[in-house]
Protein backbone atom coordinates (compact mmCIF):
# COMPACT_ATOMS: atom_id res chain seq x y z
CA MET A 1 33.71 73.31 94.80
CA GLN A 2 34.89 71.86 98.75
CA ASP A 3 36.62 68.80 97.65
CA THR A 4 38.38 70.61 94.99
CA LYS A 5 39.93 72.61 97.60
CA VAL A 6 40.51 70.18 100.24
CA SER A 7 42.35 68.62 97.09
CA ILE A 8 44.42 71.57 96.29
CA SER A 9 45.26 71.96 99.90
CA ASP A 10 46.23 68.26 100.10
CA SER A 11 48.57 68.54 97.41
CA ALA A 12 50.10 71.61 98.87
CA MET A 13 51.02 70.09 102.02
CA LEU A 14 52.36 66.56 99.73
CA LYS A 15 54.69 68.97 97.97
CA PRO A 16 57.24 69.27 101.21
CA ARG A 17 56.90 65.76 101.98
CA LYS A 18 57.98 64.99 98.25
CA ALA A 19 60.78 66.91 97.88
CA ASP A 20 61.62 66.29 101.54
CA LYS A 21 61.91 62.59 100.28
CA GLY A 22 63.76 63.48 97.79
CA VAL A 23 66.69 65.04 99.76
CA TRP A 24 66.84 62.39 102.09
CA LYS A 25 67.05 60.37 99.19
CA ARG A 26 70.14 61.88 97.23
CA ILE A 27 71.72 61.75 100.78
CA ILE A 28 70.93 58.39 100.73
CA GLN A 29 72.69 57.47 97.22
CA ASN A 30 75.57 59.85 98.05
CA TRP A 31 76.03 58.95 101.79
CA GLU A 32 79.67 58.17 100.65
CA LEU A 33 80.35 61.82 99.62
CA TYR A 34 78.43 63.06 103.22
CA ILE A 35 80.76 60.88 105.22
CA PHE A 36 83.86 61.98 103.48
CA ILE A 37 82.76 65.65 104.28
CA ALA A 38 81.45 65.23 107.43
CA PRO A 39 84.70 65.87 109.60
CA ALA A 40 85.33 69.52 108.00
CA PHE A 41 81.74 70.02 108.66
CA PHE A 42 81.65 68.77 112.21
CA TYR A 43 85.01 70.48 112.52
CA PHE A 44 83.90 73.73 111.20
CA LEU A 45 80.65 73.63 113.38
CA ILE A 46 82.22 72.60 116.44
CA PHE A 47 85.52 75.00 116.97
CA SER A 48 84.15 78.08 114.27
CA TYR A 49 80.66 78.07 115.13
CA GLY A 50 80.05 76.53 118.38
CA PRO A 51 82.18 79.23 120.35
CA MET A 52 80.26 82.44 118.90
CA TYR A 53 78.17 81.41 121.81
CA GLY A 54 80.86 83.14 123.65
CA ILE A 55 80.16 86.57 122.40
CA GLN A 56 77.35 87.80 124.24
CA ILE A 57 80.07 88.77 126.93
CA ALA A 58 80.70 91.37 124.96
CA PHE A 59 77.83 93.19 125.71
CA LYS A 60 78.04 92.06 129.59
CA ASN A 61 80.12 92.32 132.86
CA PHE A 62 80.87 89.07 132.43
CA ILE A 63 82.11 87.76 135.88
CA PRO A 64 83.36 84.25 135.89
CA THR A 65 81.40 82.84 138.59
CA LYS A 66 78.33 83.97 137.26
CA GLY A 67 78.83 82.29 133.95
CA ILE A 68 77.75 83.72 130.73
CA THR A 69 74.31 84.13 131.69
CA GLY A 70 74.27 84.97 135.08
CA SER A 71 76.42 88.10 134.53
CA PRO A 72 75.03 91.49 134.10
CA TRP A 73 74.34 92.96 130.68
CA VAL A 74 76.28 96.49 129.86
CA GLY A 75 74.98 97.12 125.92
CA PHE A 76 77.60 98.89 123.91
CA ASP A 77 79.64 100.35 127.06
CA HIS A 78 83.18 98.31 126.33
CA PHE A 79 82.35 99.36 122.89
CA THR A 80 82.30 103.26 123.71
CA ARG A 81 84.86 102.48 126.12
CA PHE A 82 87.00 101.54 123.57
CA PHE A 83 86.27 103.95 121.08
CA ASP A 84 86.95 107.18 123.58
CA SER A 85 89.68 105.77 124.82
CA TYR A 86 93.02 107.63 123.64
CA TYR A 87 94.83 104.87 122.29
CA PHE A 88 92.29 104.20 119.84
CA TRP A 89 93.74 105.96 116.86
CA ASP A 90 97.24 104.66 118.03
CA LEU A 91 95.88 101.01 117.47
CA ILE A 92 93.71 101.46 114.12
CA TRP A 93 96.82 103.37 112.71
CA ASN A 94 99.20 100.55 113.35
CA THR A 95 96.77 98.11 112.44
CA LEU A 96 96.07 99.83 109.01
CA SER A 97 99.85 101.09 107.95
CA ILE A 98 101.20 97.56 109.07
CA SER A 99 98.62 95.66 106.88
CA LEU A 100 98.57 98.06 104.12
CA TYR A 101 102.39 98.20 104.02
CA GLU A 102 102.69 94.25 104.24
CA LEU A 103 100.08 94.33 101.10
CA ALA A 104 102.02 96.82 99.24
CA ILE A 105 105.38 94.79 99.76
CA GLY A 106 103.92 91.63 100.29
CA PHE A 107 101.17 91.17 97.17
CA PRO A 108 102.98 91.95 94.23
CA ILE A 109 106.45 89.42 94.57
CA PRO A 110 104.93 86.04 94.70
CA ILE A 111 103.15 87.26 91.36
CA ILE A 112 106.61 88.06 90.11
CA LEU A 113 108.28 85.04 91.35
CA ALA A 114 105.98 82.69 89.86
CA LEU A 115 105.94 84.99 86.37
CA ALA A 116 110.26 84.86 86.91
CA PHE A 117 110.14 80.96 88.14
CA ASN A 118 107.70 79.99 85.48
CA GLU A 119 110.03 81.52 82.47
CA VAL A 120 112.83 79.53 84.01
CA ARG A 121 114.12 76.45 81.36
CA THR A 122 116.98 74.81 83.23
CA GLY A 123 115.61 71.97 85.72
CA PHE A 124 118.05 72.15 88.21
CA PHE A 125 118.41 75.76 88.85
CA LYS A 126 114.40 75.60 88.45
CA LYS A 127 114.01 73.47 91.39
CA LEU A 128 117.49 75.11 93.41
CA ALA A 129 115.31 78.78 93.49
CA GLN A 130 112.18 77.01 94.66
CA THR A 131 113.72 75.16 96.95
CA VAL A 132 115.62 78.59 98.78
CA THR A 133 112.46 80.46 98.82
CA TYR A 134 110.23 77.78 99.71
CA ALA A 135 112.32 77.04 102.66
CA PRO A 136 111.34 79.90 105.05
CA HIS A 137 108.27 79.38 105.07
CA PHE A 138 108.51 76.05 107.29
CA ILE A 139 110.04 78.09 109.92
CA SER A 140 107.71 78.57 113.13
CA VAL A 141 107.20 82.03 114.36
CA VAL A 142 109.06 81.82 117.60
CA VAL A 143 112.05 80.73 115.57
CA MET A 144 111.56 83.70 112.83
CA ALA A 145 111.72 86.25 115.42
CA GLY A 146 114.43 84.74 117.20
CA MET A 147 116.37 85.05 114.20
CA ILE A 148 115.41 88.20 113.87
CA ILE A 149 116.52 89.07 117.10
CA THR A 150 119.78 87.86 116.42
CA PHE A 151 120.47 89.18 113.34
CA LEU A 152 119.55 92.77 114.08
CA SER A 153 121.13 92.90 117.63
CA PRO A 154 122.68 95.80 118.17
CA SER A 155 125.91 93.76 120.05
CA THR A 156 125.76 90.58 118.41
CA GLY A 157 123.70 91.20 115.07
CA ILE A 158 125.46 90.04 111.64
CA VAL A 159 123.56 92.45 109.79
CA VAL A 160 124.30 95.47 112.27
CA HIS A 161 128.06 94.61 111.87
CA LEU A 162 127.73 94.11 108.21
CA ILE A 163 126.25 97.64 107.77
CA GLU A 164 128.99 99.06 109.84
CA GLY A 165 131.68 97.37 108.00
CA LEU A 166 130.49 98.71 105.21
CA GLY A 167 131.63 102.58 107.20
CA PHE A 168 127.41 103.19 107.82
CA ASN A 169 125.56 103.51 111.19
CA ALA A 170 123.51 101.20 111.42
CA PRO A 171 119.93 101.94 112.76
CA ASP A 172 118.15 100.25 115.97
CA PHE A 173 116.01 98.49 114.06
CA LEU A 174 114.79 96.77 117.40
CA THR A 175 114.30 99.43 119.57
CA ASP A 176 113.24 102.50 116.48
CA PRO A 177 109.59 102.55 116.50
CA ARG A 178 110.78 104.15 112.85
CA TRP A 179 112.03 100.49 111.81
CA PHE A 180 109.73 97.72 113.75
CA LYS A 181 107.11 98.01 110.37
CA THR A 182 109.47 97.33 107.79
CA MET A 183 111.45 94.62 109.67
CA TYR A 184 108.08 93.18 110.47
CA VAL A 185 107.14 93.52 106.55
CA PHE A 186 110.60 92.23 105.28
CA SER A 187 110.61 89.39 107.68
CA GLY A 188 107.74 88.44 106.42
CA VAL A 189 107.43 88.86 103.44
CA TRP A 190 111.20 86.77 103.19
CA GLN A 191 109.59 84.11 105.01
CA SER A 192 105.86 83.90 102.81
CA ALA A 193 106.73 84.99 99.77
CA GLY A 194 108.02 82.02 98.25
CA TRP A 195 105.06 79.90 99.00
CA GLY A 196 102.60 81.63 97.69
CA THR A 197 104.03 81.67 94.19
CA ILE A 198 102.75 78.25 93.96
CA ILE A 199 99.42 79.54 93.62
CA TYR A 200 100.17 81.54 90.67
CA LEU A 201 102.21 78.56 89.32
CA ALA A 202 99.10 76.52 89.93
CA ALA A 203 97.65 78.91 87.72
CA LEU A 204 100.23 79.22 84.85
CA SER A 205 100.27 75.45 84.70
CA GLY A 206 97.07 76.01 82.90
CA VAL A 207 97.78 78.40 79.81
CA ASP A 208 97.91 76.64 76.62
CA PRO A 209 101.53 76.08 74.98
CA GLY A 210 99.52 76.86 71.80
CA LEU A 211 99.26 80.64 72.81
CA HIS A 212 102.85 80.85 73.32
CA GLU A 213 103.87 79.26 70.14
CA ALA A 214 101.48 80.97 68.43
CA ALA A 215 102.60 84.19 69.95
CA ILE A 216 106.38 82.99 68.79
CA ILE A 217 105.51 83.01 65.25
CA ASP A 218 104.14 85.95 64.89
CA GLY A 219 107.04 87.57 66.38
CA ALA A 220 106.16 88.58 70.10
CA SER A 221 108.93 88.49 72.75
CA ARG A 222 109.32 87.38 75.54
CA PHE A 223 108.03 90.02 77.75
CA GLN A 224 105.56 90.37 75.21
CA ARG A 225 104.10 87.16 75.83
CA VAL A 226 104.03 87.84 79.69
CA ARG A 227 102.25 90.77 80.14
CA HIS A 228 99.48 89.71 77.49
CA ILE A 229 99.02 85.66 77.57
CA ASN A 230 100.94 84.65 81.25
CA ILE A 231 99.15 87.44 83.44
CA PRO A 232 95.87 87.52 81.96
CA THR A 233 95.44 83.84 82.88
CA ILE A 234 96.33 85.06 86.65
CA ILE A 235 94.38 87.94 86.90
CA PRO A 236 91.39 86.17 88.26
CA THR A 237 93.83 84.17 91.07
CA MET A 238 94.99 87.63 91.54
CA THR A 239 91.58 89.07 92.28
CA ILE A 240 90.75 86.48 94.42
CA LEU A 241 93.41 86.67 96.80
CA LEU A 242 93.71 90.32 96.79
CA ILE A 243 89.81 90.06 98.39
CA LEU A 244 90.68 87.80 100.96
CA ASN A 245 93.39 89.80 101.80
CA MET A 246 91.57 92.81 102.05
CA GLY A 247 89.11 90.91 104.06
CA SER A 248 91.85 90.38 107.05
CA LEU A 249 92.99 94.11 106.45
CA LEU A 250 92.77 94.58 110.23
CA GLY A 251 93.56 91.04 111.56
CA VAL A 252 97.10 91.57 111.60
CA GLY A 253 98.77 88.62 113.86
CA PHE A 254 99.81 88.71 117.12
CA GLU A 255 102.44 86.40 117.45
CA LYS A 256 105.15 88.05 115.54
CA ILE A 257 104.52 90.78 116.59
CA LEU A 258 104.61 90.33 120.30
CA LEU A 259 107.54 88.11 119.89
CA LEU A 260 109.40 91.15 118.82
CA GLN A 261 107.71 93.95 120.64
CA ASN A 262 109.25 95.97 123.62
CA PRO A 263 108.54 99.21 125.48
CA LEU A 264 110.74 100.72 122.89
CA ASN A 265 109.18 100.31 119.92
CA MET A 266 105.74 99.75 121.66
CA GLY A 267 104.43 103.11 119.49
CA SER A 268 104.34 101.02 116.06
CA SER A 269 104.15 97.55 116.96
CA ASP A 270 101.27 97.57 119.31
CA VAL A 271 98.26 96.98 117.18
CA ILE A 272 94.67 95.92 118.01
CA SER A 273 95.47 91.83 118.11
CA THR A 274 98.43 92.85 121.05
CA PHE A 275 96.23 94.91 123.05
CA VAL A 276 93.33 92.37 123.17
CA TYR A 277 95.94 89.73 124.78
CA ARG A 278 96.65 92.25 127.12
CA SER A 279 93.66 93.19 128.09
CA GLY A 280 92.14 89.85 127.82
CA LEU A 281 94.71 87.63 128.99
CA VAL A 282 97.07 89.76 130.62
CA ASP A 283 94.76 92.05 132.50
CA ALA A 284 91.54 89.35 132.34
CA GLN A 285 89.44 92.49 131.14
CA TYR A 286 87.49 89.77 129.19
CA SER A 287 84.30 91.23 128.29
CA PHE A 288 86.26 94.70 126.90
CA SER A 289 88.69 92.21 124.76
CA THR A 290 85.77 90.39 123.53
CA ALA A 291 84.29 93.57 122.11
CA ILE A 292 87.42 94.74 120.60
CA GLY A 293 88.05 91.41 119.04
CA LEU A 294 84.25 91.79 118.31
CA PHE A 295 84.70 94.45 116.52
CA ASN A 296 87.56 93.97 114.69
CA SER A 297 86.50 91.17 113.54
CA VAL A 298 82.89 92.78 111.88
CA ILE A 299 85.01 95.51 110.17
CA ASN A 300 86.77 92.35 108.29
CA ALA A 301 83.68 90.98 107.50
CA VAL A 302 82.26 94.41 106.43
CA LEU A 303 85.71 95.04 104.33
CA LEU A 304 85.58 91.44 102.24
CA VAL A 305 82.29 92.30 101.85
CA VAL A 306 82.32 95.42 100.16
CA VAL A 307 85.43 95.14 98.34
CA ASN A 308 83.78 91.25 96.65
CA GLN A 309 80.77 93.31 95.38
CA ILE A 310 83.39 96.62 94.18
CA VAL A 311 85.00 93.37 92.12
CA ARG A 312 81.91 91.65 91.08
CA ARG A 313 80.51 94.83 89.80
CA THR A 314 84.01 96.04 87.84
CA SER A 315 85.32 92.17 86.58
CA GLU A 316 83.65 89.08 86.39
CA ASN A 317 85.92 87.47 89.18
CA SER A 318 84.78 87.54 92.90
CA LEU A 319 84.38 85.21 95.73
CA TRP A 320 80.56 84.98 95.13
């Protein structure tokens, strides 16, 4: 019996070793693939996971001379300060309203453009339309903000002069808080809608032409073919992109907002990311700004997981 116990324990110890040998054997056999993926692996390891070490300053009163480890621990004081501040709900509302506004306008337009481009049969016109809609994507954020300011300037803006030439009073696009979100969202849609159609056009390219031929024989119109063949084909792609967009609901980028922001439209343009920039880099409140940024990231991660689980339970399409 004792020999049997020893043999059983020895075999149990040998199994992990055999498994380890199997893993290393597979790595050696496919070493080219591991070398190929190594740059991406080390990129995310160094630039995405490495800086997470500094998240702990959100729970400390960070003093640069003492470093991260030497700074005193304050727990959730910075989070409590942010939640109790008078500007907390204003920042949340501005961030959410801009994100939802952008999602409501910007999400369906690339789908509509992709369905329209897919139905165009004239080669030259199709290429011209795609080029015209793709081109704004390559304009930098700084140049885009400069164009918006130039076009909407009360004194020299071509859009303002066009509205006034039609006999209407042009609103103050750059200074009126009521117009900031519309200006921001529609300029972003103009810049990114054409580029976003590429993903949907790639999905539509996988549609079997035989389905359309059979539908034409059965007497289906073009609209019916789009509705019953093309749209169901791109629904999985739409679902994945919707989940990703919901995961960045509070992640409104600050670059263009910061360039278009001024004291007159601050009431509707101040979002979480611009407040983090001001409190962290301008006012040197490193711990406080890190706490706000961590709060923002956690909420986005929770939204991503929750929306993914809802989609997973209601359909077959999900991120994981």
